[in-house]
Protein backbone atom coordinates (compact mmCIF):
# COMPACT_ATOMS: atom_id res chain seq x y z
CA MET A 1 15.33 3.45 -21.26
CA SER A 2 12.81 0.50 -20.44
CA ASN A 3 10.21 -0.73 -22.41
CA ILE A 4 7.29 -1.66 -20.57
CA LYS A 5 7.99 -5.18 -19.46
CA ASP A 6 11.25 -4.41 -17.92
CA THR A 7 9.79 -1.11 -16.52
CA LEU A 8 6.63 -3.43 -15.25
CA ASP A 9 9.47 -5.53 -13.79
CA THR A 10 11.53 -2.81 -11.54
CA LEU A 11 7.74 -1.50 -10.67
CA ILE A 12 6.96 -4.81 -9.28
CA ASN A 13 10.64 -4.40 -7.22
CA ILE A 14 9.26 -1.68 -4.76
CA ASP A 15 9.47 -2.26 -0.91
CA GLY A 16 5.75 -2.78 -0.82
CA ALA A 17 3.99 -3.45 -4.40
CA LEU A 18 1.06 -5.85 -4.87
CA GLY A 19 1.05 -4.66 -9.02
CA CYS A 20 1.93 -1.83 -11.50
CA ALA A 21 0.32 -1.39 -14.67
CA ILE A 22 1.39 0.93 -17.50
CA VAL A 23 -2.58 2.36 -18.78
CA ASP A 24 -3.45 4.73 -21.19
CA TYR A 25 -5.98 6.34 -19.19
CA THR A 26 -7.30 7.63 -23.19
CA SER A 27 -9.04 4.65 -23.83
CA GLY A 28 -8.94 3.15 -19.77
CA MET A 29 -6.70 0.04 -21.21
CA ILE A 30 -3.89 -1.85 -19.94
CA LEU A 31 -1.10 -1.78 -22.13
CA GLY A 32 0.78 -4.48 -19.63
CA SER A 33 0.34 -5.25 -16.05
CA GLN A 34 1.66 -7.51 -12.94
CA GLY A 35 1.00 -8.56 -9.79
CA GLY A 36 -2.87 -7.61 -8.42
CA GLY A 37 -4.23 -5.75 -5.17
CA VAL A 38 -6.60 -5.05 -6.71
CA ASP A 39 -8.28 -5.92 -10.41
CA LEU A 40 -6.30 -3.20 -12.65
CA GLU A 41 -8.30 -3.28 -15.18
CA LEU A 42 -11.48 -3.04 -13.49
CA ALA A 43 -8.36 -0.14 -11.31
CA ALA A 44 -6.97 1.09 -14.47
CA ALA A 45 -10.50 2.08 -16.27
CA GLY A 46 -11.33 4.33 -12.93
CA ASN A 47 -7.69 5.78 -12.42
CA SER A 48 -8.08 6.73 -16.45
CA ASN A 49 -11.05 8.76 -15.92
CA VAL A 50 -9.63 10.53 -12.28
CA VAL A 51 -6.48 11.33 -15.04
CA LYS A 52 -8.90 13.18 -17.46
CA ALA A 53 -10.75 15.08 -14.77
CA LYS A 54 -7.80 16.47 -13.37
CA LEU A 55 -6.03 17.12 -15.93
CA HIS A 56 -10.27 18.85 -16.93
CA THR A 57 -9.65 20.95 -14.35
CA MET A 58 -6.33 21.29 -14.78
CA GLU A 59 -6.72 23.36 -17.46
CA SER A 60 -10.95 25.30 -16.12
CA LEU A 61 -9.03 27.49 -13.28
CA GLY A 62 -5.87 28.24 -16.40
CA ILE A 63 -3.43 25.74 -13.91
CA LYS A 64 -0.30 25.60 -16.66
CA GLY A 65 1.50 22.09 -16.75
CA GLY A 66 1.21 18.43 -15.24
CA ILE A 67 0.71 16.41 -13.20
CA GLU A 68 3.19 15.14 -11.17
CA ASP A 69 1.74 12.21 -9.53
CA ILE A 70 -1.73 11.62 -8.04
CA LEU A 71 -1.04 9.65 -4.78
CA ILE A 72 -5.10 7.90 -3.10
CA THR A 73 -4.59 6.86 0.36
CA LEU A 74 -6.66 3.74 1.54
CA SER A 75 -7.33 1.76 4.85
CA ASP A 76 -4.68 -0.65 3.95
CA GLN A 77 -3.03 -0.09 0.75
CA LEU A 78 -1.29 3.22 -1.01
CA HIS A 79 -1.97 3.47 -5.14
CA ILE A 80 -0.04 6.42 -7.12
CA ILE A 81 -1.16 7.11 -10.50
CA ARG A 82 2.80 8.86 -12.17
CA PRO A 83 1.20 10.49 -15.87
CA SER A 84 4.53 10.07 -18.31
CA ILE A 85 6.02 12.93 -19.26
CA THR A 86 7.78 11.05 -22.31
CA ASN A 87 4.41 9.11 -23.57
CA GLU A 88 1.80 12.21 -23.34
CA GLY A 89 -1.97 9.37 -22.66
CA LEU A 90 -0.37 6.68 -20.21
CA PHE A 91 0.10 6.49 -16.94
CA ILE A 92 1.92 4.14 -14.90
CA TYR A 93 -0.42 3.12 -11.75
CA LEU A 94 1.98 1.77 -8.22
CA VAL A 95 -0.44 -0.54 -5.73
CA LEU A 96 1.45 -0.82 -2.18
CA ASP A 97 0.47 -2.34 0.58
CA LYS A 98 0.92 0.87 2.70
CA GLY A 99 1.54 -1.44 5.68
CA LYS A 100 4.99 -3.11 3.76
CA ALA A 101 5.84 0.58 2.06
CA ASN A 102 7.81 3.89 1.78
CA LEU A 103 5.42 5.96 0.20
CA ALA A 104 8.57 8.29 0.21
CA LEU A 105 10.56 6.11 -1.88
CA ALA A 106 7.69 4.73 -3.73
CA ARG A 107 7.27 7.93 -4.97
CA ARG A 108 11.29 8.49 -5.93
CA LYS A 109 11.44 5.22 -8.26
CA VAL A 110 8.49 5.72 -9.49
CA SER A 111 9.52 9.20 -11.33
CA ASP A 112 12.61 7.52 -12.03
CA ILE A 113 11.39 4.58 -13.86
CA GLU A 114 8.95 7.79 -16.03
CA SER A 115 11.60 9.54 -17.30
CA SER A 116 13.32 6.21 -17.84
CA LEU A 117 10.46 4.54 -20.06
CA SER A 118 10.82 5.14 -23.67
CA ARG A 119 8.52 6.16 -26.36
CA VAL A 120 5.67 3.33 -26.39
């Protein structure tokens, strides 16, 4: 089981990582962050709305289950949003340099990291 600091230390060491954060999407507030690539405070608030909108849409459509991850591809960056299973209301946010990152490997590592995140 990892705490927030250990989780962030592991995330920022993923190949191509520019920045990362653990976010409470109910409030849009960051619990911890490292690095940059974008304004992580602003991104946390905006991506909290993305997660809430997707959950609302899934509920409206009667889709059962949860979100595994949300991938946002930009011209130079990849953004991975991974809601926590063990910590409802939280998500991991990872910003990657598109030219340096291996998306499949990054998604796998974020999944493994999320599953080891201890209850906050």
